[in-house]
Amino acid sequence: MITEKDIPRIHNEALEQSKLATQKFLEDWRKKTGGNQYDEPMYCGFAWVSLHGVKGSTKIGKAFKNVGFDKGYPTGLRLWDPSNYRGQSMDVKEEGSRAYAEVLRKYGFKAYMGSRAD
């Protein structure tokens, strides 16, 4: 059973996977396209992880907040750009958020990638 003490470890694993997914996506994209002057796909936007079924007032919810999640809208918790990618490409940010959410799902959480264009 997952407890609040497991959340930092799970978060670190998910961050690592998020960064790896971002790096792999960019490497693949560069190989397939030859890149461009911006060195990233040119569709600007944002991406995040939505975590459902966890209330922020619970021990596990507070543990997620301690690692960077905040209140999601309309419900749940949310973590913006877990790969901490500093470009503008929504495609890249989506890959990182998707990988982070996959790790949370592996541990039984209901988590999804969300995004929107800028």
C-alpha atoms as a PDB file:
ATOM      1  CA  MET A   1       0.000   0.000   0.000  1.00  0.00           C
ATOM      2  CA  ILE A   2       1.283   3.450  -0.952  1.00  0.00           C
ATOM      3  CA  THR A   3       1.639   5.939   1.907  1.00  0.00           C
ATOM      4  CA  GLU A   4       2.589   9.612   2.048  1.00  0.00           C
ATOM      5  CA  LYS A   5       6.187   8.549   2.746  1.00  0.00           C
ATOM      6  CA  ASP A   6       6.359   6.909  -0.693  1.00  0.00           C
ATOM      7  CA  ILE A   7       5.389  10.047  -2.608  1.00  0.00           C
ATOM      8  CA  PRO A   8       8.855  11.718  -2.742  1.00  0.00           C
ATOM      9  CA  ARG A   9      10.378   8.501  -4.120  1.00  0.00           C
ATOM     10  CA  ILE A  10       7.578   8.089  -6.668  1.00  0.00           C
ATOM     11  CA  HIS A  11       7.874  11.762  -7.608  1.00  0.00           C
ATOM     12  CA  ASN A  12      11.627  11.437  -8.184  1.00  0.00           C
ATOM     13  CA  GLU A  13      11.117   8.349 -10.343  1.00  0.00           C
ATOM     14  CA  ALA A  14       8.436  10.161 -12.340  1.00  0.00           C
ATOM     15  CA  LEU A  15      10.647  13.250 -12.765  1.00  0.00           C
ATOM     16  CA  GLU A  16      13.465  11.093 -14.072  1.00  0.00           C
ATOM     17  CA  GLN A  17      11.161   9.382 -16.572  1.00  0.00           C
ATOM     18  CA  SER A  18       9.733  12.747 -17.591  1.00  0.00           C
ATOM     19  CA  LYS A  19      13.172  14.187 -18.338  1.00  0.00           C
ATOM     20  CA  LEU A  20      14.226  11.030 -20.212  1.00  0.00           C
ATOM     21  CA  ALA A  21      11.057  11.093 -22.315  1.00  0.00           C
ATOM     22  CA  THR A  22      11.617  14.746 -23.186  1.00  0.00           C
ATOM     23  CA  GLN A  23      15.220  14.101 -24.169  1.00  0.00           C
ATOM     24  CA  LYS A  24      14.307  11.025 -26.240  1.00  0.00           C
ATOM     25  CA  PHE A  25      11.475  12.884 -27.991  1.00  0.00           C
ATOM     26  CA  LEU A  26      13.789  15.747 -28.979  1.00  0.00           C
ATOM     27  CA  GLU A  27      16.516  13.377 -30.188  1.00  0.00           C
ATOM     28  CA  ASP A  28      13.998  11.440 -32.302  1.00  0.00           C
ATOM     29  CA  TRP A  29      12.456  14.638 -33.643  1.00  0.00           C
ATOM     30  CA  ARG A  30      15.856  16.028 -34.638  1.00  0.00           C
ATOM     31  CA  LYS A  31      16.762  12.763 -36.417  1.00  0.00           C
ATOM     32  CA  LYS A  32      13.479  12.632 -38.330  1.00  0.00           C
ATOM     33  CA  THR A  33      13.239  16.308 -39.257  1.00  0.00           C
ATOM     34  CA  GLY A  34      16.789  17.595 -39.237  1.00  0.00           C
ATOM     35  CA  GLY A  35      15.731  20.169 -36.666  1.00  0.00           C
ATOM     36  CA  ASN A  36      15.033  23.845 -37.198  1.00  0.00           C
ATOM     37  CA  GLN A  37      16.371  27.214 -36.066  1.00  0.00           C
ATOM     38  CA  TYR A  38      14.590  26.861 -32.706  1.00  0.00           C
ATOM     39  CA  ASP A  39      15.774  23.289 -32.089  1.00  0.00           C
ATOM     40  CA  GLU A  40      12.266  22.176 -31.157  1.00  0.00           C
ATOM     41  CA  PRO A  41       8.860  21.594 -32.780  1.00  0.00           C
ATOM     42  CA  MET A  42       7.203  24.946 -33.352  1.00  0.00           C
ATOM     43  CA  TYR A  43       3.822  24.459 -31.688  1.00  0.00           C
ATOM     44  CA  CYS A  44       3.861  26.571 -28.528  1.00  0.00           C
ATOM     45  CA  GLY A  45       1.888  25.619 -25.473  1.00  0.00           C
ATOM     46  CA  PHE A  46       1.748  24.199 -21.982  1.00  0.00           C
ATOM     47  CA  ALA A  47       1.456  20.730 -20.460  1.00  0.00           C
ATOM     48  CA  TRP A  48       0.813  19.385 -16.986  1.00  0.00           C
ATOM     49  CA  VAL A  49      -0.111  16.286 -15.018  1.00  0.00           C
ATOM     50  CA  SER A  50      -3.613  16.029 -13.591  1.00  0.00           C
ATOM     51  CA  LEU A  51      -4.009  13.773 -10.564  1.00  0.00           C
ATOM     52  CA  HIS A  52      -7.561  12.714  -9.772  1.00  0.00           C
ATOM     53  CA  GLY A  53      -9.011  10.992  -6.735  1.00  0.00           C
ATOM     54  CA  VAL A  54      -6.512  12.526  -4.290  1.00  0.00           C
ATOM     55  CA  LYS A  55      -7.698  15.354  -2.065  1.00  0.00           C
ATOM     56  CA  GLY A  56      -5.153  17.963  -1.097  1.00  0.00           C
ATOM     57  CA  SER A  57      -6.243  17.798   2.532  1.00  0.00           C
ATOM     58  CA  THR A  58      -5.255  14.126   2.971  1.00  0.00           C
ATOM     59  CA  LYS A  59      -1.819  12.901   4.024  1.00  0.00           C
ATOM     60  CA  ILE A  60      -1.067  11.679   0.509  1.00  0.00           C
ATOM     61  CA  GLY A  61      -2.471  14.894  -0.974  1.00  0.00           C
ATOM     62  CA  LYS A  62      -0.235  16.979   1.280  1.00  0.00           C
ATOM     63  CA  ALA A  63       2.742  14.832   0.266  1.00  0.00           C
ATOM     64  CA  PHE A  64       1.977  15.553  -3.403  1.00  0.00           C
ATOM     65  CA  LYS A  65       1.706  19.250  -2.595  1.00  0.00           C
ATOM     66  CA  ASN A  66       5.091  19.079  -0.854  1.00  0.00           C
ATOM     67  CA  VAL A  67       6.703  17.875  -4.094  1.00  0.00           C
ATOM     68  CA  GLY A  68       5.118  20.627  -6.207  1.00  0.00           C
ATOM     69  CA  PHE A  69       1.497  19.796  -6.997  1.00  0.00           C
ATOM     70  CA  ASP A  70      -1.167  22.437  -6.521  1.00  0.00           C
ATOM     71  CA  LYS A  71      -4.951  22.517  -6.731  1.00  0.00           C
ATOM     72  CA  GLY A  72      -6.227  21.381 -10.096  1.00  0.00           C
ATOM     73  CA  TYR A  73      -9.314  22.833 -11.707  1.00  0.00           C
ATOM     74  CA  PRO A  74     -12.058  21.900 -11.429  1.00  0.00           C
ATOM     75  CA  THR A  75     -10.871  19.058  -9.164  1.00  0.00           C
ATOM     76  CA  GLY A  76      -7.834  17.051  -8.184  1.00  0.00           C
ATOM     77  CA  LEU A  77      -4.207  18.144  -8.105  1.00  0.00           C
ATOM     78  CA  ARG A  78      -1.973  19.430 -10.873  1.00  0.00           C
ATOM     79  CA  LEU A  79       1.765  19.601 -11.616  1.00  0.00           C
ATOM     80  CA  TRP A  80       2.937  21.936 -14.375  1.00  0.00           C
ATOM     81  CA  ASP A  81       5.668  20.830 -16.798  1.00  0.00           C
ATOM     82  CA  PRO A  82       7.303  18.077 -14.704  1.00  0.00           C
ATOM     83  CA  SER A  83      10.244  17.768 -17.121  1.00  0.00           C
ATOM     84  CA  ASN A  84      11.057  21.424 -16.408  1.00  0.00           C
ATOM     85  CA  TYR A  85      11.598  21.909 -20.138  1.00  0.00           C
ATOM     86  CA  ARG A  86      12.571  25.519 -20.811  1.00  0.00           C
ATOM     87  CA  GLY A  87      11.559  25.694 -24.453  1.00  0.00           C
ATOM     88  CA  GLN A  88       8.131  26.632 -25.767  1.00  0.00           C
ATOM     89  CA  SER A  89       7.202  23.455 -27.624  1.00  0.00           C
ATOM     90  CA  MET A  90       3.952  21.944 -26.413  1.00  0.00           C
ATOM     91  CA  ASP A  91       4.877  18.644 -28.097  1.00  0.00           C
ATOM     92  CA  VAL A  92       7.976  18.305 -25.919  1.00  0.00           C
ATOM     93  CA  LYS A  93       6.154  19.299 -22.724  1.00  0.00           C
ATOM     94  CA  GLU A  94       3.389  16.808 -23.475  1.00  0.00           C
ATOM     95  CA  GLU A  95       5.894  13.957 -23.713  1.00  0.00           C
ATOM     96  CA  GLY A  96       7.355  14.820 -20.315  1.00  0.00           C
ATOM     97  CA  SER A  97       3.945  15.136 -18.688  1.00  0.00           C
ATOM     98  CA  ARG A  98       2.730  11.899 -20.273  1.00  0.00           C
ATOM     99  CA  ALA A  99       5.763  10.004 -18.928  1.00  0.00           C
ATOM    100  CA  TYR A 100       5.266  11.429 -15.431  1.00  0.00           C
ATOM    101  CA  ALA A 101       1.583  10.421 -15.449  1.00  0.00           C
ATOM    102  CA  GLU A 102       2.496   6.897 -16.594  1.00  0.00           C
ATOM    103  CA  VAL A 103       4.673   6.426 -13.507  1.00  0.00           C
ATOM    104  CA  LEU A 104       1.842   7.573 -11.235  1.00  0.00           C
ATOM    105  CA  ARG A 105      -0.553   5.153 -12.950  1.00  0.00           C
ATOM    106  CA  LYS A 106       1.967   2.353 -12.410  1.00  0.00           C
ATOM    107  CA  TYR A 107       1.518   2.969  -8.677  1.00  0.00           C
ATOM    108  CA  GLY A 108      -2.271   2.940  -8.911  1.00  0.00           C
ATOM    109  CA  PHE A 109      -3.009   6.655  -9.165  1.00  0.00           C
ATOM    110  CA  LYS A 110      -5.457   8.110 -11.652  1.00  0.00           C
ATOM    111  CA  ALA A 111      -3.202  10.538 -13.548  1.00  0.00           C
ATOM    112  CA  TYR A 112      -3.280  12.055 -17.020  1.00  0.00           C
ATOM    113  CA  MET A 113      -1.371  14.485 -19.169  1.00  0.00           C
ATOM    114  CA  GLY A 114      -3.173  17.715 -20.003  1.00  0.00           C
ATOM    115  CA  SER A 115      -2.148  20.473 -22.386  1.00  0.00           C
ATOM    116  CA  ARG A 116      -3.246  23.565 -24.223  1.00  0.00           C
ATOM    117  CA  ALA A 117      -1.832  25.665 -27.028  1.00  0.00           C
ATOM    118  CA  ASP A 118      -0.496  29.114 -26.308  1.00  0.00           C
END
